[in-house]
Amino acid sequence: MTCHEAAPPPVRFLEGKRVYLRPIGLEDTDWYFRSLYNHEGRRLTGTQKHYTRDQIQQYIESKAQDSSSVLLLIAMRDDDQVIGDIQIGAIDTFNRNAFIRIAIEQHEHQGKGLGSEAMLLMLDYGFGILNLHRIELNVFAYNERAIHAYEKIGFQREGIQRQALYYQHAYHDSILMSMLAHEYRAKYVLG
């Protein structure tokens, strides 16, 4: 490609009204690496380890070969700006279970429903394409905004993993939540 040729537009794998989900590639290594060092993002996700850029590049390469996981970036429809990532992982095709996780990188994109929109796109993919029966997530008890958003989407609390996370000199509970396929369909497909 010469300097006069424009880069091709990003692939829009799953599209919503304000965001779309796209595959992650090696060209996203620097963004993903930087996002892992966002202080508030690390706190909300309970990220404790540090990573090198090379480790992140290897992780992205490994995801391309991982059939038990779907890792996508969340981008704004109007300007293609990447604002976060979302993953369905540990896909169990026998029991039709998986987990879901999401991270919105910057504060200015949080609390505006963008994460909920991305979550609904991924849930629709998980239940409607991957034919999953149950999708679960864990959220730390101090992340009240996320708990509220997940409950509004339709996740139900299943239990508490007491003092499951040690972060910032204290132990914190982790709340296990899930949604079943028929619950999703009743609220979003048939409703």
C-alpha atoms as a PDB file:
ATOM      1  CA  MET A   1       0.000   0.000   0.000  1.00  0.00           C
ATOM      2  CA  THR A   2       1.419   3.372  -0.970  1.00  0.00           C
ATOM      3  CA  CYS A   3       1.183   6.456   1.193  1.00  0.00           C
ATOM      4  CA  HIS A   4      -1.652   7.725  -1.057  1.00  0.00           C
ATOM      5  CA  GLU A   5      -3.862   4.697  -0.524  1.00  0.00           C
ATOM      6  CA  ALA A   6      -6.287   4.811   2.363  1.00  0.00           C
ATOM      7  CA  ALA A   7      -6.327   1.971   4.865  1.00  0.00           C
ATOM      8  CA  PRO A   8      -9.317  -0.299   4.391  1.00  0.00           C
ATOM      9  CA  PRO A   9     -12.177   0.338   6.795  1.00  0.00           C
ATOM     10  CA  PRO A  10     -12.289  -1.972   9.817  1.00  0.00           C
ATOM     11  CA  VAL A  11     -14.413  -5.098   9.667  1.00  0.00           C
ATOM     12  CA  ARG A  12     -17.689  -4.638  11.537  1.00  0.00           C
ATOM     13  CA  PHE A  13     -18.448  -8.139  12.806  1.00  0.00           C
ATOM     14  CA  LEU A  14     -21.432  -7.279  15.030  1.00  0.00           C
ATOM     15  CA  GLU A  15     -23.141  -3.886  14.671  1.00  0.00           C
ATOM     16  CA  GLY A  16     -25.276  -1.946  17.080  1.00  0.00           C
ATOM     17  CA  LYS A  17     -26.683   1.569  16.969  1.00  0.00           C
ATOM     18  CA  ARG A  18     -23.661   3.329  18.485  1.00  0.00           C
ATOM     19  CA  VAL A  19     -20.949   0.671  18.678  1.00  0.00           C
ATOM     20  CA  TYR A  20     -19.752  -2.296  16.688  1.00  0.00           C
ATOM     21  CA  LEU A  21     -17.565  -5.268  17.575  1.00  0.00           C
ATOM     22  CA  ARG A  22     -14.603  -6.194  15.442  1.00  0.00           C
ATOM     23  CA  PRO A  23     -11.860  -8.809  15.496  1.00  0.00           C
ATOM     24  CA  ILE A  24      -8.644  -7.960  17.299  1.00  0.00           C
ATOM     25  CA  GLY A  25      -5.425  -8.087  15.269  1.00  0.00           C
ATOM     26  CA  LEU A  26      -1.721  -7.602  15.778  1.00  0.00           C
ATOM     27  CA  GLU A  27      -2.147  -3.966  14.709  1.00  0.00           C
ATOM     28  CA  ASP A  28      -4.106  -3.525  17.960  1.00  0.00           C
ATOM     29  CA  THR A  29      -1.204  -4.669  20.168  1.00  0.00           C
ATOM     30  CA  ASP A  30      -0.223  -1.177  21.321  1.00  0.00           C
ATOM     31  CA  TRP A  31      -3.822  -0.170  22.118  1.00  0.00           C
ATOM     32  CA  TYR A  32      -4.451  -3.392  24.063  1.00  0.00           C
ATOM     33  CA  PHE A  33      -1.136  -3.067  25.909  1.00  0.00           C
ATOM     34  CA  ARG A  34      -1.905   0.542  26.948  1.00  0.00           C
ATOM     35  CA  SER A  35      -5.455  -0.352  27.980  1.00  0.00           C
ATOM     36  CA  LEU A  36      -4.120  -2.890  30.490  1.00  0.00           C
ATOM     37  CA  TYR A  37      -2.381  -0.076  32.343  1.00  0.00           C
ATOM     38  CA  ASN A  38      -5.424   2.145  32.809  1.00  0.00           C
ATOM     39  CA  HIS A  39      -5.545   2.517  36.609  1.00  0.00           C
ATOM     40  CA  GLU A  40      -9.338   2.519  36.987  1.00  0.00           C
ATOM     41  CA  GLY A  41      -9.734  -0.292  34.473  1.00  0.00           C
ATOM     42  CA  ARG A  42      -7.261  -2.413  36.421  1.00  0.00           C
ATOM     43  CA  ARG A  43      -9.188  -1.773  39.648  1.00  0.00           C
ATOM     44  CA  LEU A  44     -12.600  -2.587  38.163  1.00  0.00           C
ATOM     45  CA  THR A  45     -11.365  -5.797  36.553  1.00  0.00           C
ATOM     46  CA  GLY A  46      -9.099  -6.792  39.434  1.00  0.00           C
ATOM     47  CA  THR A  47      -6.072  -6.992  37.121  1.00  0.00           C
ATOM     48  CA  GLN A  48      -3.028  -7.694  39.264  1.00  0.00           C
ATOM     49  CA  LYS A  49      -0.312  -8.846  36.883  1.00  0.00           C
ATOM     50  CA  HIS A  50       1.882  -6.733  34.678  1.00  0.00           C
ATOM     51  CA  TYR A  51       2.422  -7.605  31.035  1.00  0.00           C
ATOM     52  CA  THR A  52       5.008  -6.758  28.428  1.00  0.00           C
ATOM     53  CA  ARG A  53       4.129  -5.655  24.915  1.00  0.00           C
ATOM     54  CA  ASP A  54       5.557  -8.958  23.600  1.00  0.00           C
ATOM     55  CA  GLN A  55       3.299 -10.952  25.951  1.00  0.00           C
ATOM     56  CA  ILE A  56       0.283  -9.018  24.658  1.00  0.00           C
ATOM     57  CA  GLN A  57       1.293  -9.672  21.057  1.00  0.00           C
ATOM     58  CA  GLN A  58       1.624 -13.406  21.811  1.00  0.00           C
ATOM     59  CA  TYR A  59      -1.780 -13.352  23.550  1.00  0.00           C
ATOM     60  CA  ILE A  60      -3.434 -11.759  20.512  1.00  0.00           C
ATOM     61  CA  GLU A  61      -1.758 -14.290  18.206  1.00  0.00           C
ATOM     62  CA  SER A  62      -2.944 -17.165  20.404  1.00  0.00           C
ATOM     63  CA  LYS A  63      -6.559 -15.909  20.356  1.00  0.00           C
ATOM     64  CA  ALA A  64      -6.629 -16.383  16.570  1.00  0.00           C
ATOM     65  CA  GLN A  65      -6.114 -20.127  17.154  1.00  0.00           C
ATOM     66  CA  ASP A  66      -8.392 -20.475  20.204  1.00  0.00           C
ATOM     67  CA  SER A  67     -11.754 -22.039  19.325  1.00  0.00           C
ATOM     68  CA  SER A  68     -12.925 -21.818  22.950  1.00  0.00           C
ATOM     69  CA  SER A  69     -12.921 -18.023  22.957  1.00  0.00           C
ATOM     70  CA  VAL A  70     -14.195 -15.043  20.967  1.00  0.00           C
ATOM     71  CA  LEU A  71     -12.289 -11.821  21.736  1.00  0.00           C
ATOM     72  CA  LEU A  72     -13.523  -8.668  20.002  1.00  0.00           C
ATOM     73  CA  LEU A  73     -12.807  -4.964  20.253  1.00  0.00           C
ATOM     74  CA  ILE A  74     -15.580  -2.445  20.884  1.00  0.00           C
ATOM     75  CA  ALA A  75     -15.472   0.522  18.494  1.00  0.00           C
ATOM     76  CA  MET A  76     -17.607   3.605  17.965  1.00  0.00           C
ATOM     77  CA  ARG A  77     -19.690   3.487  14.789  1.00  0.00           C
ATOM     78  CA  ASP A  78     -19.238   7.162  13.973  1.00  0.00           C
ATOM     79  CA  ASP A  79     -15.420   7.335  14.016  1.00  0.00           C
ATOM     80  CA  ASP A  80     -14.096   3.739  14.473  1.00  0.00           C
ATOM     81  CA  GLN A  81     -12.429   4.690  17.792  1.00  0.00           C
ATOM     82  CA  VAL A  82     -11.721   1.581  19.876  1.00  0.00           C
ATOM     83  CA  ILE A  83     -13.135   2.057  23.374  1.00  0.00           C
ATOM     84  CA  GLY A  84     -12.850  -1.406  24.913  1.00  0.00           C
ATOM     85  CA  ASP A  85     -12.896  -5.145  24.476  1.00  0.00           C
ATOM     86  CA  ILE A  86     -15.338  -7.953  25.130  1.00  0.00           C
ATOM     87  CA  GLN A  87     -14.887 -11.705  25.261  1.00  0.00           C
ATOM     88  CA  ILE A  88     -16.884 -14.887  25.437  1.00  0.00           C
ATOM     89  CA  GLY A  89     -14.454 -17.447  26.809  1.00  0.00           C
ATOM     90  CA  ALA A  90     -14.128 -20.967  28.131  1.00  0.00           C
ATOM     91  CA  ILE A  91     -16.770 -22.080  25.633  1.00  0.00           C
ATOM     92  CA  ASP A  92     -17.950 -25.536  26.680  1.00  0.00           C
ATOM     93  CA  THR A  93     -19.679 -27.059  23.657  1.00  0.00           C
ATOM     94  CA  PHE A  94     -20.895 -30.120  25.588  1.00  0.00           C
ATOM     95  CA  ASN A  95     -22.736 -28.230  28.312  1.00  0.00           C
ATOM     96  CA  ARG A  96     -23.209 -25.105  26.152  1.00  0.00           C
ATOM     97  CA  ASN A  97     -21.742 -22.779  28.812  1.00  0.00           C
ATOM     98  CA  ALA A  98     -19.286 -19.884  28.655  1.00  0.00           C
ATOM     99  CA  PHE A  99     -18.235 -16.769  30.508  1.00  0.00           C
ATOM    100  CA  ILE A 100     -18.414 -13.197  29.271  1.00  0.00           C
ATOM    101  CA  ARG A 101     -16.267 -10.249  30.255  1.00  0.00           C
ATOM    102  CA  ILE A 102     -16.096  -6.646  29.131  1.00  0.00           C
ATOM    103  CA  ALA A 103     -13.826  -3.661  29.710  1.00  0.00           C
ATOM    104  CA  ILE A 104     -14.452  -0.089  28.599  1.00  0.00           C
ATOM    105  CA  GLU A 105     -11.095   1.653  28.653  1.00  0.00           C
ATOM    106  CA  GLN A 106     -11.713   5.332  29.326  1.00  0.00           C
ATOM    107  CA  HIS A 107     -13.962   7.033  31.845  1.00  0.00           C
ATOM    108  CA  GLU A 108     -15.588   9.270  29.212  1.00  0.00           C
ATOM    109  CA  HIS A 109     -17.082   6.186  27.543  1.00  0.00           C
ATOM    110  CA  GLN A 110     -18.418   4.649  30.750  1.00  0.00           C
ATOM    111  CA  GLY A 111     -21.918   5.158  32.105  1.00  0.00           C
ATOM    112  CA  LYS A 112     -23.391   5.957  28.681  1.00  0.00           C
ATOM    113  CA  GLY A 113     -24.841   2.566  27.807  1.00  0.00           C
ATOM    114  CA  LEU A 114     -22.067   1.728  25.326  1.00  0.00           C
ATOM    115  CA  GLY A 115     -20.943  -1.277  27.352  1.00  0.00           C
ATOM    116  CA  SER A 116     -24.518  -2.519  27.670  1.00  0.00           C
ATOM    117  CA  GLU A 117     -24.976  -2.225  23.908  1.00  0.00           C
ATOM    118  CA  ALA A 118     -21.754  -4.184  23.305  1.00  0.00           C
ATOM    119  CA  MET A 119     -22.817  -6.764  25.885  1.00  0.00           C
ATOM    120  CA  LEU A 120     -26.177  -7.272  24.150  1.00  0.00           C
ATOM    121  CA  LEU A 121     -24.446  -7.708  20.773  1.00  0.00           C
ATOM    122  CA  MET A 122     -22.189 -10.387  22.247  1.00  0.00           C
ATOM    123  CA  LEU A 123     -25.020 -12.103  24.133  1.00  0.00           C
ATOM    124  CA  ASP A 124     -27.040 -12.254  20.920  1.00  0.00           C
ATOM    125  CA  TYR A 125     -24.048 -13.856  19.209  1.00  0.00           C
ATOM    126  CA  GLY A 126     -23.520 -16.286  22.102  1.00  0.00           C
ATOM    127  CA  PHE A 127     -27.127 -17.422  22.341  1.00  0.00           C
ATOM    128  CA  GLY A 128     -28.171 -16.980  18.715  1.00  0.00           C
ATOM    129  CA  ILE A 129     -25.092 -18.162  16.794  1.00  0.00           C
ATOM    130  CA  LEU A 130     -22.930 -20.175  19.198  1.00  0.00           C
ATOM    131  CA  ASN A 131     -26.088 -21.857  20.608  1.00  0.00           C
ATOM    132  CA  LEU A 132     -24.971 -21.398  24.200  1.00  0.00           C
ATOM    133  CA  HIS A 133     -27.410 -22.234  26.965  1.00  0.00           C
ATOM    134  CA  ARG A 134     -25.781 -20.347  29.860  1.00  0.00           C
ATOM    135  CA  ILE A 135     -23.434 -17.362  29.970  1.00  0.00           C
ATOM    136  CA  GLU A 136     -21.928 -16.276  33.281  1.00  0.00           C
ATOM    137  CA  LEU A 137     -19.812 -13.426  34.539  1.00  0.00           C
ATOM    138  CA  ASN A 138     -18.040 -12.373  37.694  1.00  0.00           C
ATOM    139  CA  VAL A 139     -18.087  -8.817  38.981  1.00  0.00           C
ATOM    140  CA  PHE A 140     -16.407  -7.478  42.091  1.00  0.00           C
ATOM    141  CA  ALA A 141     -18.740  -6.192  44.801  1.00  0.00           C
ATOM    142  CA  TYR A 142     -17.221  -2.685  44.709  1.00  0.00           C
ATOM    143  CA  ASN A 143     -18.190  -2.266  41.036  1.00  0.00           C
ATOM    144  CA  GLU A 144     -21.771  -1.241  41.805  1.00  0.00           C
ATOM    145  CA  ARG A 145     -22.331   0.503  38.463  1.00  0.00           C
ATOM    146  CA  ALA A 146     -21.489  -2.691  36.561  1.00  0.00           C
ATOM    147  CA  ILE A 147     -23.682  -4.804  38.850  1.00  0.00           C
ATOM    148  CA  HIS A 148     -26.604  -2.483  38.176  1.00  0.00           C
ATOM    149  CA  ALA A 149     -25.960  -2.568  34.405  1.00  0.00           C
ATOM    150  CA  TYR A 150     -25.752  -6.378  34.355  1.00  0.00           C
ATOM    151  CA  GLU A 151     -28.987  -6.710  36.322  1.00  0.00           C
ATOM    152  CA  LYS A 152     -30.702  -4.240  33.981  1.00  0.00           C
ATOM    153  CA  ILE A 153     -29.572  -6.336  30.997  1.00  0.00           C
ATOM    154  CA  GLY A 154     -31.091  -9.415  32.652  1.00  0.00           C
ATOM    155  CA  PHE A 155     -28.272 -11.203  34.459  1.00  0.00           C
ATOM    156  CA  GLN A 156     -29.285 -12.820  37.723  1.00  0.00           C
ATOM    157  CA  ARG A 157     -27.143 -13.165  40.818  1.00  0.00           C
ATOM    158  CA  GLU A 158     -26.247 -16.753  41.585  1.00  0.00           C
ATOM    159  CA  GLY A 159     -23.935 -16.373  44.508  1.00  0.00           C
ATOM    160  CA  ILE A 160     -21.037 -14.664  46.157  1.00  0.00           C
ATOM    161  CA  GLN A 161     -17.473 -15.875  46.162  1.00  0.00           C
ATOM    162  CA  ARG A 162     -16.419 -14.468  49.490  1.00  0.00           C
ATOM    163  CA  GLN A 163     -13.134 -12.572  49.602  1.00  0.00           C
ATOM    164  CA  ALA A 164     -12.090 -13.963  46.212  1.00  0.00           C
ATOM    165  CA  LEU A 165      -9.932 -10.976  45.232  1.00  0.00           C
ATOM    166  CA  TYR A 166      -7.084  -9.349  47.128  1.00  0.00           C
ATOM    167  CA  TYR A 167      -6.621  -5.830  45.764  1.00  0.00           C
ATOM    168  CA  GLN A 168      -5.358  -2.570  47.275  1.00  0.00           C
ATOM    169  CA  HIS A 169      -4.688  -4.004  50.734  1.00  0.00           C
ATOM    170  CA  ALA A 170      -8.114  -5.632  51.166  1.00  0.00           C
ATOM    171  CA  TYR A 171     -10.127  -8.681  50.243  1.00  0.00           C
ATOM    172  CA  HIS A 172     -13.219  -8.216  48.073  1.00  0.00           C
ATOM    173  CA  ASP A 173     -16.182 -10.430  47.242  1.00  0.00           C
ATOM    174  CA  SER A 174     -16.868 -11.546  43.688  1.00  0.00           C
ATOM    175  CA  ILE A 175     -20.479 -11.836  42.588  1.00  0.00           C
ATOM    176  CA  LEU A 176     -21.355 -14.638  40.179  1.00  0.00           C
ATOM    177  CA  MET A 177     -24.145 -13.759  37.748  1.00  0.00           C
ATOM    178  CA  SER A 178     -25.600 -15.585  34.768  1.00  0.00           C
ATOM    179  CA  MET A 179     -28.180 -15.495  32.037  1.00  0.00           C
ATOM    180  CA  LEU A 180     -29.861 -18.462  30.368  1.00  0.00           C
ATOM    181  CA  ALA A 181     -30.794 -18.593  26.693  1.00  0.00           C
ATOM    182  CA  HIS A 182     -34.536 -18.664  27.345  1.00  0.00           C
ATOM    183  CA  GLU A 183     -34.221 -15.603  29.614  1.00  0.00           C
ATOM    184  CA  TYR A 184     -32.374 -13.719  26.886  1.00  0.00           C
ATOM    185  CA  ARG A 185     -34.904 -14.707  24.228  1.00  0.00           C
ATOM    186  CA  ALA A 186     -37.898 -13.793  26.415  1.00  0.00           C
ATOM    187  CA  LYS A 187     -36.498 -10.309  26.980  1.00  0.00           C
ATOM    188  CA  TYR A 188     -34.874  -9.486  23.631  1.00  0.00           C
ATOM    189  CA  VAL A 189     -36.064 -11.829  20.884  1.00  0.00           C
ATOM    190  CA  LEU A 190     -39.634 -12.798  21.671  1.00  0.00           C
ATOM    191  CA  GLY A 191     -40.511  -9.787  23.846  1.00  0.00           C
END
